[in-house]
Amino acid sequence: MLFSDSYFTVKTKHEALFKERGSKFLAFIFPVKNEEEIKNNLQILKKEHPNANHHCYAWRLGADKLAFRANDDGEPSNTAGKPILGQIQANDLTNVLVVVVRYFGGTLLGVGGLISAYKTSAALVISGTEIFENFILFEYKVDFDEGSINLVMRILKENEAKIIAHTYENYNSIIFQIKKQNSIKLEKDFTELYTSKLTSLRTL
């Protein structure tokens, strides 16, 4: 269930470097929309850094922030993926992938050192990227008769709807998007307009 009207994410890929006792930690952040994009970005990084010792990562997806995963990629359990995910959560981000590529420098960092290094690397790359607020959109379809077009257009305008498509068949049909925060009033308005039928299509 979506309790918020918006969420925070990033616009573009960004990278940062952190060094600790000879080890290099290359941190990357990507905007992603699905697990396929996550998989593709991970494959690209592994091809670009084939000699790295570890490719640790975490991601979170969805406006509801319920889908997430952390991966230690061979580091001791919960020393890499979990600290990375912690920074994603601390910054309230979603639809993001953070990967930290480690080149081992010859000195063991220990559990505490690893946790600190991966946490710091993730924090660095997040702090250096542009974070923006993305408003949750609902997409609808409204069917109506010709005589109702002025009332329908007024409702759409009052609720700041963005028209995506308008078709003319036996019935007029408009597909549009609206901010979640305006959806309750819009649904009420169309419920009261008996010559129209409103159908919810998807959440963006």
N, C-alpha and C. Protein backbone atom coordinates (compact mmCIF):
# COMPACT_ATOMS: atom_id res chain seq x y z
N MET A 1 0.85 -1.20 0.00
CA MET A 1 0.00 0.00 0.00
C MET A 1 0.88 1.25 0.00
N LEU A 2 0.46 2.26 -0.75
CA LEU A 2 1.24 3.49 -0.85
C LEU A 2 0.72 4.51 0.16
N PHE A 3 1.53 4.84 1.15
CA PHE A 3 1.13 5.80 2.16
C PHE A 3 1.64 7.20 1.84
N SER A 4 2.60 7.30 0.92
CA SER A 4 3.18 8.59 0.58
C SER A 4 2.75 9.01 -0.82
N ASP A 5 2.84 10.30 -1.10
CA ASP A 5 2.49 10.82 -2.42
C ASP A 5 3.70 10.91 -3.35
N SER A 6 4.89 10.66 -2.82
CA SER A 6 6.09 10.79 -3.63
C SER A 6 7.20 9.92 -3.05
N TYR A 7 8.30 9.82 -3.77
CA TYR A 7 9.46 9.10 -3.28
C TYR A 7 10.73 9.77 -3.81
N PHE A 8 11.86 9.45 -3.20
CA PHE A 8 13.13 10.04 -3.60
C PHE A 8 13.97 9.01 -4.34
N THR A 9 14.59 9.46 -5.43
CA THR A 9 15.45 8.60 -6.22
C THR A 9 16.56 9.45 -6.84
N VAL A 10 17.33 8.87 -7.77
CA VAL A 10 18.43 9.62 -8.40
C VAL A 10 18.18 9.71 -9.90
N LYS A 11 18.79 10.70 -10.53
CA LYS A 11 18.57 10.94 -11.96
C LYS A 11 19.56 10.20 -12.84
N THR A 12 20.82 10.18 -12.42
CA THR A 12 21.86 9.63 -13.29
C THR A 12 22.84 8.76 -12.51
N LYS A 13 23.62 7.99 -13.25
CA LYS A 13 24.69 7.19 -12.65
C LYS A 13 25.75 8.12 -12.07
N HIS A 14 26.34 7.69 -10.95
CA HIS A 14 27.42 8.46 -10.34
C HIS A 14 28.39 7.49 -9.70
N GLU A 15 29.64 7.89 -9.54
CA GLU A 15 30.62 7.02 -8.91
C GLU A 15 31.52 7.79 -7.95
N ALA A 16 32.10 7.06 -7.01
CA ALA A 16 32.99 7.67 -6.00
C ALA A 16 34.05 6.64 -5.64
N LEU A 17 35.15 7.12 -5.08
CA LEU A 17 36.27 6.26 -4.69
C LEU A 17 36.58 6.44 -3.22
N PHE A 18 36.76 5.30 -2.52
CA PHE A 18 37.18 5.33 -1.12
C PHE A 18 38.34 4.34 -0.97
N LYS A 19 39.38 4.77 -0.26
CA LYS A 19 40.55 3.91 -0.03
C LYS A 19 40.72 3.65 1.46
N GLU A 20 41.06 2.39 1.79
CA GLU A 20 41.26 2.02 3.18
C GLU A 20 42.35 0.96 3.27
N ARG A 21 43.50 1.32 3.84
CA ARG A 21 44.63 0.42 4.06
C ARG A 21 44.98 -0.42 2.83
N GLY A 22 45.09 0.28 1.72
CA GLY A 22 45.52 -0.37 0.48
C GLY A 22 44.40 -0.85 -0.40
N SER A 23 43.25 -1.13 0.17
CA SER A 23 42.11 -1.57 -0.62
C SER A 23 41.41 -0.37 -1.25
N LYS A 24 40.97 -0.56 -2.50
CA LYS A 24 40.21 0.47 -3.20
C LYS A 24 38.75 0.02 -3.29
N PHE A 25 37.87 0.94 -2.93
CA PHE A 25 36.43 0.68 -3.01
C PHE A 25 35.82 1.66 -4.01
N LEU A 26 35.43 1.16 -5.17
CA LEU A 26 34.79 1.98 -6.20
C LEU A 26 33.28 1.84 -6.05
N ALA A 27 32.62 2.93 -5.72
CA ALA A 27 31.18 2.89 -5.48
C ALA A 27 30.42 3.49 -6.66
N PHE A 28 29.34 2.85 -7.04
CA PHE A 28 28.51 3.29 -8.17
C PHE A 28 27.05 3.31 -7.74
N ILE A 29 26.32 4.31 -8.20
CA ILE A 29 24.88 4.35 -7.98
C ILE A 29 24.19 4.51 -9.32
N PHE A 30 23.09 3.77 -9.52
CA PHE A 30 22.35 3.79 -10.77
C PHE A 30 20.86 4.00 -10.49
N PRO A 31 20.18 4.79 -11.32
CA PRO A 31 18.72 4.79 -11.27
C PRO A 31 18.22 3.54 -11.99
N VAL A 32 17.32 2.79 -11.38
CA VAL A 32 16.80 1.55 -11.98
C VAL A 32 15.29 1.47 -11.74
N LYS A 33 14.61 0.76 -12.65
CA LYS A 33 13.16 0.62 -12.54
C LYS A 33 12.72 -0.82 -12.31
N ASN A 34 13.62 -1.77 -12.60
CA ASN A 34 13.24 -3.17 -12.47
C ASN A 34 14.49 -4.03 -12.29
N GLU A 35 14.28 -5.32 -12.03
CA GLU A 35 15.41 -6.21 -11.77
C GLU A 35 16.23 -6.50 -13.03
N GLU A 36 15.61 -6.36 -14.19
CA GLU A 36 16.36 -6.55 -15.44
C GLU A 36 17.42 -5.47 -15.60
N GLU A 37 17.08 -4.22 -15.29
CA GLU A 37 18.06 -3.12 -15.34
C GLU A 37 19.16 -3.34 -14.31
N ILE A 38 18.80 -3.85 -13.14
CA ILE A 38 19.80 -4.14 -12.11
C ILE A 38 20.80 -5.18 -12.63
N LYS A 39 20.28 -6.25 -13.20
CA LYS A 39 21.12 -7.32 -13.74
C LYS A 39 22.05 -6.80 -14.82
N ASN A 40 21.54 -5.96 -15.71
CA ASN A 40 22.35 -5.41 -16.80
C ASN A 40 23.48 -4.54 -16.27
N ASN A 41 23.18 -3.68 -15.29
CA ASN A 41 24.21 -2.81 -14.73
C ASN A 41 25.29 -3.61 -14.01
N LEU A 42 24.89 -4.65 -13.31
CA LEU A 42 25.88 -5.51 -12.63
C LEU A 42 26.78 -6.21 -13.65
N GLN A 43 26.22 -6.69 -14.74
CA GLN A 43 27.01 -7.36 -15.77
C GLN A 43 28.02 -6.41 -16.40
N ILE A 44 27.58 -5.17 -16.64
CA ILE A 44 28.48 -4.17 -17.23
C ILE A 44 29.66 -3.90 -16.30
N LEU A 45 29.38 -3.72 -15.01
CA LEU A 45 30.45 -3.44 -14.05
C LEU A 45 31.42 -4.61 -13.94
N LYS A 46 30.91 -5.82 -13.99
CA LYS A 46 31.79 -6.99 -13.90
C LYS A 46 32.70 -7.12 -15.12
N LYS A 47 32.18 -6.68 -16.27
CA LYS A 47 33.01 -6.66 -17.48
C LYS A 47 34.06 -5.55 -17.42
N GLU A 48 33.68 -4.41 -16.84
CA GLU A 48 34.60 -3.28 -16.72
C GLU A 48 35.65 -3.51 -15.64
N HIS A 49 35.34 -4.33 -14.64
CA HIS A 49 36.27 -4.59 -13.53
C HIS A 49 36.40 -6.10 -13.30
N PRO A 50 36.94 -6.81 -14.29
CA PRO A 50 37.02 -8.28 -14.18
C PRO A 50 38.01 -8.76 -13.13
N ASN A 51 38.97 -7.92 -12.76
CA ASN A 51 40.00 -8.32 -11.80
C ASN A 51 39.69 -7.91 -10.36
N ALA A 52 38.54 -7.29 -10.16
CA ALA A 52 38.16 -6.89 -8.79
C ALA A 52 37.88 -8.14 -7.96
N ASN A 53 38.10 -8.03 -6.66
CA ASN A 53 37.88 -9.17 -5.77
C ASN A 53 36.41 -9.37 -5.42
N HIS A 54 35.67 -8.26 -5.33
CA HIS A 54 34.26 -8.36 -4.94
C HIS A 54 33.44 -7.29 -5.67
N HIS A 55 32.21 -7.66 -6.00
CA HIS A 55 31.23 -6.72 -6.53
C HIS A 55 30.00 -6.79 -5.60
N CYS A 56 30.05 -6.05 -4.52
CA CYS A 56 28.99 -6.09 -3.51
C CYS A 56 27.94 -5.03 -3.84
N TYR A 57 26.68 -5.34 -3.52
CA TYR A 57 25.64 -4.39 -3.93
C TYR A 57 24.39 -4.51 -3.07
N ALA A 58 23.54 -3.50 -3.25
CA ALA A 58 22.20 -3.51 -2.66
C ALA A 58 21.31 -2.67 -3.55
N TRP A 59 20.03 -3.01 -3.55
CA TRP A 59 19.07 -2.23 -4.32
C TRP A 59 17.72 -2.19 -3.61
N ARG A 60 16.93 -1.19 -4.00
CA ARG A 60 15.55 -1.10 -3.53
C ARG A 60 14.68 -0.59 -4.67
N LEU A 61 13.50 -1.18 -4.83
CA LEU A 61 12.61 -0.85 -5.94
C LEU A 61 11.20 -0.54 -5.44
N GLY A 62 10.50 0.27 -6.23
CA GLY A 62 9.08 0.51 -6.00
C GLY A 62 8.79 1.73 -5.15
N ALA A 63 7.68 2.38 -5.47
CA ALA A 63 7.26 3.53 -4.68
C ALA A 63 6.95 3.14 -3.25
N ASP A 64 6.55 1.87 -3.05
CA ASP A 64 6.27 1.40 -1.69
C ASP A 64 7.53 0.92 -0.96
N LYS A 65 8.66 0.82 -1.69
CA LYS A 65 9.98 0.48 -1.13
C LYS A 65 10.02 -0.92 -0.51
N LEU A 66 9.14 -1.79 -0.94
CA LEU A 66 9.05 -3.12 -0.32
C LEU A 66 9.99 -4.14 -0.95
N ALA A 67 10.46 -3.89 -2.16
CA ALA A 67 11.37 -4.83 -2.83
C ALA A 67 12.81 -4.35 -2.65
N PHE A 68 13.65 -5.20 -2.03
CA PHE A 68 15.05 -4.83 -1.83
C PHE A 68 15.89 -6.09 -1.67
N ARG A 69 17.20 -5.91 -1.87
CA ARG A 69 18.11 -7.05 -1.73
C ARG A 69 19.51 -6.52 -1.44
N ALA A 70 20.28 -7.33 -0.70
CA ALA A 70 21.68 -7.01 -0.42
C ALA A 70 22.53 -8.24 -0.70
N ASN A 71 23.72 -8.04 -1.27
CA ASN A 71 24.59 -9.16 -1.65
C ASN A 71 26.03 -8.86 -1.22
N ASP A 72 26.63 -9.79 -0.48
CA ASP A 72 28.00 -9.61 0.02
C ASP A 72 29.07 -10.07 -0.98
N ASP A 73 28.69 -10.83 -2.00
CA ASP A 73 29.60 -11.32 -3.04
C ASP A 73 30.93 -11.84 -2.48
N GLY A 74 30.84 -12.73 -1.50
CA GLY A 74 32.06 -13.37 -0.99
C GLY A 74 32.67 -12.74 0.23
N GLU A 75 32.28 -11.53 0.57
CA GLU A 75 32.75 -10.92 1.81
C GLU A 75 32.03 -11.61 2.98
N PRO A 76 32.59 -11.52 4.20
CA PRO A 76 31.91 -12.12 5.35
C PRO A 76 30.46 -11.65 5.46
N SER A 77 29.59 -12.53 5.90
CA SER A 77 28.15 -12.27 5.92
C SER A 77 27.80 -10.95 6.61
N ASN A 78 26.99 -10.15 5.92
CA ASN A 78 26.46 -8.87 6.42
C ASN A 78 27.50 -7.77 6.59
N THR A 79 28.68 -7.93 5.98
CA THR A 79 29.70 -6.88 6.11
C THR A 79 29.70 -5.91 4.93
N ALA A 80 28.98 -6.22 3.85
CA ALA A 80 29.04 -5.39 2.65
C ALA A 80 27.65 -4.98 2.16
N GLY A 81 26.87 -5.97 1.73
CA GLY A 81 25.55 -5.65 1.19
C GLY A 81 24.65 -4.94 2.18
N LYS A 82 24.64 -5.40 3.43
CA LYS A 82 23.77 -4.79 4.44
C LYS A 82 24.14 -3.34 4.75
N PRO A 83 25.44 -3.01 4.92
CA PRO A 83 25.80 -1.59 5.13
C PRO A 83 25.45 -0.71 3.93
N ILE A 84 25.56 -1.27 2.71
CA ILE A 84 25.18 -0.51 1.51
C ILE A 84 23.68 -0.25 1.52
N LEU A 85 22.90 -1.29 1.78
CA LEU A 85 21.45 -1.13 1.85
C LEU A 85 21.06 -0.15 2.95
N GLY A 86 21.80 -0.17 4.04
CA GLY A 86 21.52 0.75 5.14
C GLY A 86 21.61 2.21 4.73
N GLN A 87 22.56 2.51 3.83
CA GLN A 87 22.69 3.89 3.36
C GLN A 87 21.57 4.26 2.39
N ILE A 88 21.12 3.30 1.59
CA ILE A 88 19.96 3.55 0.72
C ILE A 88 18.75 3.89 1.58
N GLN A 89 18.56 3.10 2.64
CA GLN A 89 17.42 3.32 3.54
C GLN A 89 17.56 4.62 4.33
N ALA A 90 18.78 4.91 4.78
CA ALA A 90 19.02 6.12 5.57
C ALA A 90 18.71 7.39 4.77
N ASN A 91 18.93 7.31 3.45
CA ASN A 91 18.65 8.45 2.57
C ASN A 91 17.26 8.38 1.95
N ASP A 92 16.47 7.39 2.37
CA ASP A 92 15.08 7.22 1.94
C ASP A 92 14.96 7.13 0.42
N LEU A 93 15.87 6.37 -0.20
CA LEU A 93 15.88 6.24 -1.66
C LEU A 93 15.19 4.97 -2.11
N THR A 94 14.67 4.99 -3.32
CA THR A 94 14.16 3.78 -3.95
C THR A 94 14.41 3.88 -5.45
N ASN A 95 14.19 2.77 -6.16
CA ASN A 95 14.53 2.67 -7.58
C ASN A 95 16.00 3.00 -7.82
N VAL A 96 16.85 2.46 -6.95
CA VAL A 96 18.29 2.67 -7.05
C VAL A 96 19.04 1.36 -6.84
N LEU A 97 20.20 1.28 -7.47
CA LEU A 97 21.16 0.21 -7.27
C LEU A 97 22.47 0.84 -6.86
N VAL A 98 23.07 0.36 -5.76
CA VAL A 98 24.40 0.82 -5.34
C VAL A 98 25.33 -0.39 -5.34
N VAL A 99 26.43 -0.26 -6.07
CA VAL A 99 27.42 -1.33 -6.16
C VAL A 99 28.76 -0.79 -5.66
N VAL A 100 29.43 -1.58 -4.84
CA VAL A 100 30.78 -1.22 -4.39
C VAL A 100 31.74 -2.31 -4.87
N VAL A 101 32.64 -1.93 -5.75
CA VAL A 101 33.63 -2.85 -6.33
C VAL A 101 34.92 -2.73 -5.52
N ARG A 102 35.39 -3.85 -4.96
CA ARG A 102 36.58 -3.81 -4.11
C ARG A 102 37.78 -4.47 -4.78
N TYR A 103 38.88 -3.71 -4.74
CA TYR A 103 40.19 -4.27 -5.11
C TYR A 103 40.97 -4.44 -3.81
N PHE A 104 41.25 -5.69 -3.44
CA PHE A 104 41.92 -5.99 -2.17
C PHE A 104 43.36 -5.48 -2.18
N GLY A 105 43.73 -4.79 -1.09
CA GLY A 105 45.04 -4.17 -1.03
C GLY A 105 46.08 -4.94 -0.24
N GLY A 106 45.71 -6.14 0.25
CA GLY A 106 46.69 -6.97 0.95
C GLY A 106 46.57 -6.97 2.45
N THR A 107 45.80 -6.02 3.00
CA THR A 107 45.63 -5.94 4.45
C THR A 107 44.19 -6.28 4.82
N LEU A 108 44.00 -7.25 5.69
CA LEU A 108 42.66 -7.61 6.13
C LEU A 108 42.08 -6.49 7.00
N LEU A 109 40.83 -6.16 6.76
CA LEU A 109 40.21 -5.05 7.48
C LEU A 109 39.40 -5.52 8.69
N GLY A 110 39.10 -6.83 8.75
CA GLY A 110 38.26 -7.32 9.84
C GLY A 110 36.80 -6.98 9.60
N VAL A 111 35.94 -7.59 10.38
CA VAL A 111 34.50 -7.40 10.19
C VAL A 111 34.11 -5.93 10.36
N GLY A 112 34.56 -5.33 11.44
CA GLY A 112 34.22 -3.93 11.69
C GLY A 112 34.77 -2.99 10.62
N GLY A 113 35.98 -3.27 10.15
CA GLY A 113 36.59 -2.44 9.11
C GLY A 113 35.86 -2.55 7.79
N LEU A 114 35.42 -3.77 7.48
CA LEU A 114 34.67 -3.97 6.23
C LEU A 114 33.33 -3.25 6.27
N ILE A 115 32.62 -3.39 7.37
CA ILE A 115 31.33 -2.72 7.51
C ILE A 115 31.49 -1.21 7.34
N SER A 116 32.52 -0.66 8.00
CA SER A 116 32.77 0.77 7.92
C SER A 116 33.13 1.19 6.50
N ALA A 117 33.96 0.39 5.82
CA ALA A 117 34.41 0.74 4.48
C ALA A 117 33.26 0.73 3.47
N TYR A 118 32.43 -0.30 3.54
CA TYR A 118 31.31 -0.37 2.59
C TYR A 118 30.25 0.68 2.90
N LYS A 119 30.03 0.94 4.18
CA LYS A 119 29.08 1.99 4.56
C LYS A 119 29.57 3.35 4.07
N THR A 120 30.86 3.64 4.28
CA THR A 120 31.43 4.92 3.88
C THR A 120 31.40 5.07 2.36
N SER A 121 31.72 4.00 1.64
CA SER A 121 31.72 4.05 0.17
C SER A 121 30.33 4.37 -0.36
N ALA A 122 29.32 3.69 0.19
CA ALA A 122 27.94 3.93 -0.25
C ALA A 122 27.50 5.35 0.10
N ALA A 123 27.87 5.81 1.28
CA ALA A 123 27.50 7.17 1.70
C ALA A 123 28.14 8.21 0.78
N LEU A 124 29.38 7.96 0.37
CA LEU A 124 30.09 8.90 -0.50
C LEU A 124 29.40 9.03 -1.86
N VAL A 125 29.06 7.89 -2.45
CA VAL A 125 28.47 7.95 -3.79
C VAL A 125 27.06 8.54 -3.75
N ILE A 126 26.32 8.28 -2.67
CA ILE A 126 24.98 8.86 -2.54
C ILE A 126 25.05 10.37 -2.33
N SER A 127 25.98 10.80 -1.49
CA SER A 127 26.09 12.24 -1.20
C SER A 127 26.54 13.04 -2.41
N GLY A 128 27.20 12.38 -3.36
CA GLY A 128 27.71 13.09 -4.54
C GLY A 128 26.76 13.12 -5.71
N THR A 129 25.62 12.45 -5.59
CA THR A 129 24.69 12.39 -6.71
C THR A 129 23.50 13.30 -6.49
N GLU A 130 22.75 13.56 -7.56
CA GLU A 130 21.59 14.44 -7.46
C GLU A 130 20.36 13.62 -7.10
N ILE A 131 19.78 13.92 -5.96
CA ILE A 131 18.58 13.24 -5.49
C ILE A 131 17.37 14.13 -5.79
N PHE A 132 16.31 13.53 -6.29
CA PHE A 132 15.12 14.33 -6.56
C PHE A 132 13.86 13.62 -6.10
N GLU A 133 12.82 14.41 -5.90
CA GLU A 133 11.53 13.88 -5.46
C GLU A 133 10.67 13.56 -6.67
N ASN A 134 10.22 12.34 -6.76
CA ASN A 134 9.38 11.90 -7.87
C ASN A 134 7.96 11.65 -7.36
N PHE A 135 7.00 12.38 -7.91
CA PHE A 135 5.63 12.23 -7.45
C PHE A 135 5.01 10.97 -8.04
N ILE A 136 4.31 10.22 -7.21
CA ILE A 136 3.64 9.01 -7.65
C ILE A 136 2.44 9.40 -8.51
N LEU A 137 2.35 8.77 -9.67
CA LEU A 137 1.27 9.06 -10.61
C LEU A 137 0.34 7.86 -10.74
N PHE A 138 -0.94 8.15 -10.85
CA PHE A 138 -1.93 7.13 -11.18
C PHE A 138 -2.39 7.37 -12.61
N GLU A 139 -2.52 6.31 -13.37
CA GLU A 139 -3.01 6.43 -14.74
C GLU A 139 -4.43 5.87 -14.82
N TYR A 140 -5.31 6.62 -15.46
CA TYR A 140 -6.72 6.24 -15.57
C TYR A 140 -7.18 6.31 -17.02
N LYS A 141 -8.31 5.67 -17.24
CA LYS A 141 -9.04 5.82 -18.50
C LYS A 141 -10.46 6.23 -18.14
N VAL A 142 -10.97 7.28 -18.80
CA VAL A 142 -12.36 7.69 -18.57
C VAL A 142 -13.11 7.60 -19.89
N ASP A 143 -14.25 6.92 -19.87
CA ASP A 143 -15.15 6.83 -21.02
C ASP A 143 -16.37 7.70 -20.75
N PHE A 144 -16.84 8.41 -21.77
CA PHE A 144 -17.96 9.33 -21.55
C PHE A 144 -18.65 9.62 -22.88
N ASP A 145 -19.88 10.15 -22.80
CA ASP A 145 -20.59 10.50 -24.02
C ASP A 145 -20.23 11.92 -24.46
N GLU A 146 -20.58 12.22 -25.69
CA GLU A 146 -20.18 13.50 -26.29
C GLU A 146 -20.70 14.70 -25.51
N GLY A 147 -21.88 14.54 -24.93
CA GLY A 147 -22.47 15.66 -24.21
C GLY A 147 -21.77 16.00 -22.91
N SER A 148 -20.90 15.12 -22.45
CA SER A 148 -20.22 15.33 -21.17
C SER A 148 -18.80 15.87 -21.32
N ILE A 149 -18.37 16.13 -22.54
CA ILE A 149 -16.96 16.44 -22.75
C ILE A 149 -16.50 17.67 -21.98
N ASN A 150 -17.33 18.70 -21.91
CA ASN A 150 -16.91 19.92 -21.19
C ASN A 150 -16.75 19.66 -19.70
N LEU A 151 -17.66 18.86 -19.12
CA LEU A 151 -17.57 18.53 -17.70
C LEU A 151 -16.33 17.67 -17.43
N VAL A 152 -16.08 16.71 -18.31
CA VAL A 152 -14.90 15.85 -18.15
C VAL A 152 -13.62 16.68 -18.21
N MET A 153 -13.52 17.56 -19.20
CA MET A 153 -12.31 18.37 -19.35
C MET A 153 -12.12 19.30 -18.16
N ARG A 154 -13.23 19.78 -17.59
CA ARG A 154 -13.12 20.65 -16.42
C ARG A 154 -12.58 19.87 -15.22
N ILE A 155 -13.08 18.65 -15.03
CA ILE A 155 -12.59 17.81 -13.92
C ILE A 155 -11.09 17.52 -14.08
N LEU A 156 -10.68 17.20 -15.30
CA LEU A 156 -9.27 16.91 -15.56
C LEU A 156 -8.40 18.13 -15.27
N LYS A 157 -8.87 19.31 -15.71
CA LYS A 157 -8.10 20.54 -15.49
C LYS A 157 -8.01 20.89 -14.01
N GLU A 158 -9.13 20.77 -13.29
CA GLU A 158 -9.15 21.12 -11.87
C GLU A 158 -8.23 20.21 -11.05
N ASN A 159 -8.05 18.97 -11.51
CA ASN A 159 -7.21 18.02 -10.78
C ASN A 159 -5.82 17.87 -11.37
N GLU A 160 -5.45 18.79 -12.27
CA GLU A 160 -4.11 18.87 -12.84
C GLU A 160 -3.70 17.58 -13.55
N ALA A 161 -4.64 17.02 -14.31
CA ALA A 161 -4.37 15.78 -15.03
C ALA A 161 -3.59 16.06 -16.31
N LYS A 162 -2.76 15.10 -16.68
CA LYS A 162 -2.01 15.16 -17.93
C LYS A 162 -2.61 14.15 -18.90
N ILE A 163 -3.16 14.64 -20.01
CA ILE A 163 -3.80 13.76 -20.99
C ILE A 163 -2.75 13.05 -21.82
N ILE A 164 -2.87 11.72 -21.90
CA ILE A 164 -1.93 10.89 -22.64
C ILE A 164 -2.50 10.54 -24.02
N ALA A 165 -3.78 10.22 -24.08
CA ALA A 165 -4.41 9.84 -25.35
C ALA A 165 -5.89 10.15 -25.31
N HIS A 166 -6.44 10.48 -26.49
CA HIS A 166 -7.87 10.80 -26.60
C HIS A 166 -8.38 10.11 -27.86
N THR A 167 -9.33 9.19 -27.71
CA THR A 167 -9.85 8.46 -28.87
C THR A 167 -11.34 8.71 -29.04
N TYR A 168 -11.79 8.65 -30.27
CA TYR A 168 -13.19 8.84 -30.59
C TYR A 168 -13.72 7.56 -31.24
N GLU A 169 -14.60 6.87 -30.53
CA GLU A 169 -15.23 5.67 -31.08
C GLU A 169 -16.73 5.82 -30.84
N ASN A 170 -17.40 4.74 -30.43
CA ASN A 170 -18.81 4.88 -30.06
C ASN A 170 -18.93 5.78 -28.83
N TYR A 171 -17.88 5.71 -28.02
CA TYR A 171 -17.79 6.52 -26.82
C TYR A 171 -16.50 7.31 -26.88
N ASN A 172 -16.48 8.49 -26.28
CA ASN A 172 -15.21 9.19 -26.12
C ASN A 172 -14.40 8.52 -25.03
N SER A 173 -13.09 8.51 -25.19
CA SER A 173 -12.21 7.87 -24.21
C SER A 173 -10.94 8.70 -24.06
N ILE A 174 -10.57 9.00 -22.82
CA ILE A 174 -9.34 9.74 -22.53
C ILE A 174 -8.50 8.93 -21.53
N ILE A 175 -7.25 8.76 -21.86
CA ILE A 175 -6.29 8.17 -20.92
C ILE A 175 -5.46 9.31 -20.36
N PHE A 176 -5.30 9.36 -19.04
CA PHE A 176 -4.59 10.48 -18.43
C PHE A 176 -3.85 10.02 -17.19
N GLN A 177 -2.91 10.86 -16.75
CA GLN A 177 -2.15 10.62 -15.53
C GLN A 177 -2.38 11.76 -14.55
N ILE A 178 -2.35 11.42 -13.26
CA ILE A 178 -2.61 12.41 -12.23
C ILE A 178 -1.77 12.09 -11.00
N LYS A 179 -1.36 13.12 -10.27
CA LYS A 179 -0.63 12.89 -9.04
C LYS A 179 -1.51 12.14 -8.04
N LYS A 180 -0.90 11.21 -7.32
CA LYS A 180 -1.63 10.42 -6.33
C LYS A 180 -2.39 11.31 -5.36
N GLN A 181 -1.79 12.43 -4.98
CA GLN A 181 -2.39 13.31 -3.98
C GLN A 181 -3.71 13.93 -4.48
N ASN A 182 -3.93 13.93 -5.80
CA ASN A 182 -5.16 14.49 -6.35
C ASN A 182 -6.19 13.42 -6.71
N SER A 183 -5.83 12.14 -6.51
CA SER A 183 -6.66 11.05 -7.03
C SER A 183 -8.00 10.89 -6.29
N ILE A 184 -8.03 11.14 -4.98
CA ILE A 184 -9.27 10.94 -4.22
C ILE A 184 -10.35 11.90 -4.70
N LYS A 185 -9.99 13.17 -4.86
CA LYS A 185 -10.96 14.16 -5.34
C LYS A 185 -11.41 13.84 -6.76
N LEU A 186 -10.47 13.45 -7.61
CA LEU A 186 -10.81 13.13 -8.99
C LEU A 186 -11.79 11.96 -9.06
N GLU A 187 -11.53 10.91 -8.30
CA GLU A 187 -12.43 9.75 -8.31
C GLU A 187 -13.82 10.14 -7.82
N LYS A 188 -13.88 11.01 -6.83
CA LYS A 188 -15.18 11.48 -6.32
C LYS A 188 -15.91 12.30 -7.40
N ASP A 189 -15.15 13.15 -8.09
CA ASP A 189 -15.76 13.98 -9.14
C ASP A 189 -16.36 13.12 -10.25
N PHE A 190 -15.66 12.08 -10.65
CA PHE A 190 -16.17 11.24 -11.72
C PHE A 190 -17.29 10.31 -11.24
N THR A 191 -17.28 9.95 -9.96
CA THR A 191 -18.38 9.16 -9.41
C THR A 191 -19.69 9.95 -9.50
N GLU A 192 -19.59 11.24 -9.31
CA GLU A 192 -20.78 12.10 -9.36
C GLU A 192 -21.21 12.43 -10.79
N LEU A 193 -20.32 12.17 -11.76
CA LEU A 193 -20.66 12.41 -13.17
C LEU A 193 -21.13 11.07 -13.76
N TYR A 194 -22.46 10.85 -13.72
CA TYR A 194 -23.01 9.53 -14.04
C TYR A 194 -22.83 9.14 -15.50
N THR A 195 -22.55 10.10 -16.37
CA THR A 195 -22.39 9.80 -17.80
C THR A 195 -20.96 9.41 -18.14
N SER A 196 -20.15 9.15 -17.12
CA SER A 196 -18.75 8.76 -17.35
C SER A 196 -18.44 7.46 -16.60
N LYS A 197 -17.42 6.77 -17.08
CA LYS A 197 -16.93 5.56 -16.40
C LYS A 197 -15.42 5.67 -16.26
N LEU A 198 -14.93 5.64 -15.02
CA LEU A 198 -13.52 5.79 -14.74
C LEU A 198 -12.90 4.42 -14.43
N THR A 199 -11.77 4.12 -15.09
CA THR A 199 -11.07 2.86 -14.88
C THR A 199 -9.62 3.13 -14.50
N SER A 200 -9.15 2.54 -13.41
CA SER A 200 -7.76 2.69 -12.99
C SER A 200 -6.90 1.74 -13.82
N LEU A 201 -5.79 2.24 -14.40
CA LEU A 201 -4.94 1.44 -15.27
C LEU A 201 -3.65 0.98 -14.59
N ARG A 202 -2.89 1.92 -14.02
CA ARG A 202 -1.62 1.52 -13.41
C ARG A 202 -1.08 2.65 -12.54
N THR A 203 -0.05 2.31 -11.75
CA THR A 203 0.65 3.28 -10.92
C THR A 203 2.05 3.48 -11.48
N LEU A 204 2.49 4.73 -11.54
CA LEU A 204 3.81 5.05 -12.12
C LEU A 204 4.71 5.66 -11.06
